[in-house]
Amino acid sequence: MFNSETYVNNVINNKVQQVSGSLIKTDPNSVFIRFDKGSRMEDTIFDARPTIRIDGSNYKITVLQVMLSHDSSYICEVIIDGISR
């Protein structure tokens, strides 16, 4: 996750950084989506009224959980209203 230079600098500065945590599905109708930081999907998901277009129709999204991954991408658990899984 970290290159050796970053690791050495953190050890010298008495800091240890770890990426940890987990996302657990919290709703039977939710799905996980992954997208890059700075992408159009980031703007869509973090909008005040998020919607997504699927097969020509717009669906409201409810964001349940968000995790920022070590590679600057997001992993989100969302419910897409009107679609059951």
Protein backbone atom coordinates (compact mmCIF):
# COMPACT_ATOMS: atom_id res chain seq x y z
CA MET A 1 0.00 0.00 0.00
CA PHE A 2 2.79 2.40 0.84
CA ASN A 3 6.09 2.62 -0.93
CA SER A 4 9.21 2.12 1.16
CA GLU A 5 10.06 5.85 1.26
CA THR A 6 6.67 6.70 2.77
CA TYR A 7 7.01 3.89 5.30
CA VAL A 8 10.52 4.99 6.38
CA ASN A 9 9.45 8.64 6.72
CA ASN A 10 6.48 7.65 8.86
CA VAL A 11 8.59 5.44 11.14
CA ILE A 12 11.17 8.21 11.58
CA ASN A 13 8.37 10.66 12.47
CA ASN A 14 6.89 8.14 14.95
CA LYS A 15 3.74 7.72 12.90
CA VAL A 16 2.33 4.46 11.67
CA GLN A 17 -0.40 4.60 9.08
CA GLN A 18 -2.61 1.63 8.43
CA VAL A 19 -5.51 1.18 6.14
CA SER A 20 -8.07 -0.90 7.95
CA GLY A 21 -11.76 -1.39 8.23
CA SER A 22 -14.48 -3.28 6.50
CA LEU A 23 -17.78 -2.68 4.84
CA ILE A 24 -20.55 -5.11 5.67
CA LYS A 25 -23.76 -5.18 3.71
CA THR A 26 -26.41 -3.59 5.91
CA ASP A 27 -29.50 -3.87 3.71
CA PRO A 28 -30.69 -6.80 1.56
CA ASN A 29 -31.49 -4.43 -1.33
CA SER A 30 -28.16 -2.59 -1.30
CA VAL A 31 -25.30 -2.90 -3.76
CA PHE A 32 -21.64 -1.93 -3.58
CA ILE A 33 -20.21 0.39 -6.19
CA ARG A 34 -16.62 1.45 -6.70
CA PHE A 35 -15.47 4.62 -8.44
CA ASP A 36 -12.41 6.84 -8.57
CA LYS A 37 -11.91 10.00 -6.57
CA GLY A 38 -12.42 13.00 -8.86
CA SER A 39 -14.67 11.09 -11.27
CA ARG A 40 -18.12 12.10 -12.48
CA MET A 41 -19.58 9.33 -10.32
CA GLU A 42 -18.14 11.04 -7.22
CA ASP A 43 -20.12 14.17 -8.11
CA THR A 44 -23.23 12.06 -8.68
CA ILE A 45 -23.03 10.07 -5.44
CA PHE A 46 -22.17 13.03 -3.22
CA ASP A 47 -24.80 15.32 -4.73
CA ALA A 48 -27.52 16.68 -2.42
CA ARG A 49 -30.09 14.57 -4.35
CA PRO A 50 -28.13 11.71 -5.91
CA THR A 51 -29.61 9.91 -8.91
CA ILE A 52 -28.21 7.38 -11.33
CA ARG A 53 -29.25 6.63 -14.90
CA ILE A 54 -29.77 2.95 -15.71
CA ASP A 55 -31.23 1.73 -19.01
CA GLY A 56 -32.60 5.17 -19.83
CA SER A 57 -34.34 5.72 -16.48
CA ASN A 58 -33.26 7.83 -13.50
CA TYR A 59 -33.26 6.24 -10.07
CA LYS A 60 -32.81 7.89 -6.66
CA ILE A 61 -29.81 6.66 -4.67
CA THR A 62 -29.54 6.37 -0.90
CA VAL A 63 -25.94 6.17 0.31
CA LEU A 64 -25.52 3.93 3.36
CA GLN A 65 -21.73 3.68 3.80
CA VAL A 66 -18.62 5.11 2.17
CA MET A 67 -14.99 4.04 2.41
CA LEU A 68 -12.03 5.74 0.77
CA SER A 69 -9.67 3.05 -0.47
CA HIS A 70 -5.88 3.26 -0.43
CA ASP A 71 -5.81 3.74 -4.22
CA SER A 72 -7.94 6.92 -4.06
CA SER A 73 -11.13 5.19 -5.03
CA TYR A 74 -14.40 5.02 -3.14
CA ILE A 75 -16.37 1.94 -2.22
CA CYS A 76 -19.99 2.78 -1.39
CA GLU A 77 -22.94 0.77 -0.24
CA VAL A 78 -26.03 2.27 -1.86
CA ILE A 79 -29.68 1.50 -2.32
CA ILE A 80 -31.01 2.22 -5.77
CA ASP A 81 -34.68 3.00 -5.17
CA GLY A 82 -37.02 0.99 -7.32
CA ILE A 83 -34.54 -1.84 -7.97
CA SER A 84 -34.61 -4.95 -5.76
CA ARG A 85 -31.69 -7.36 -5.54
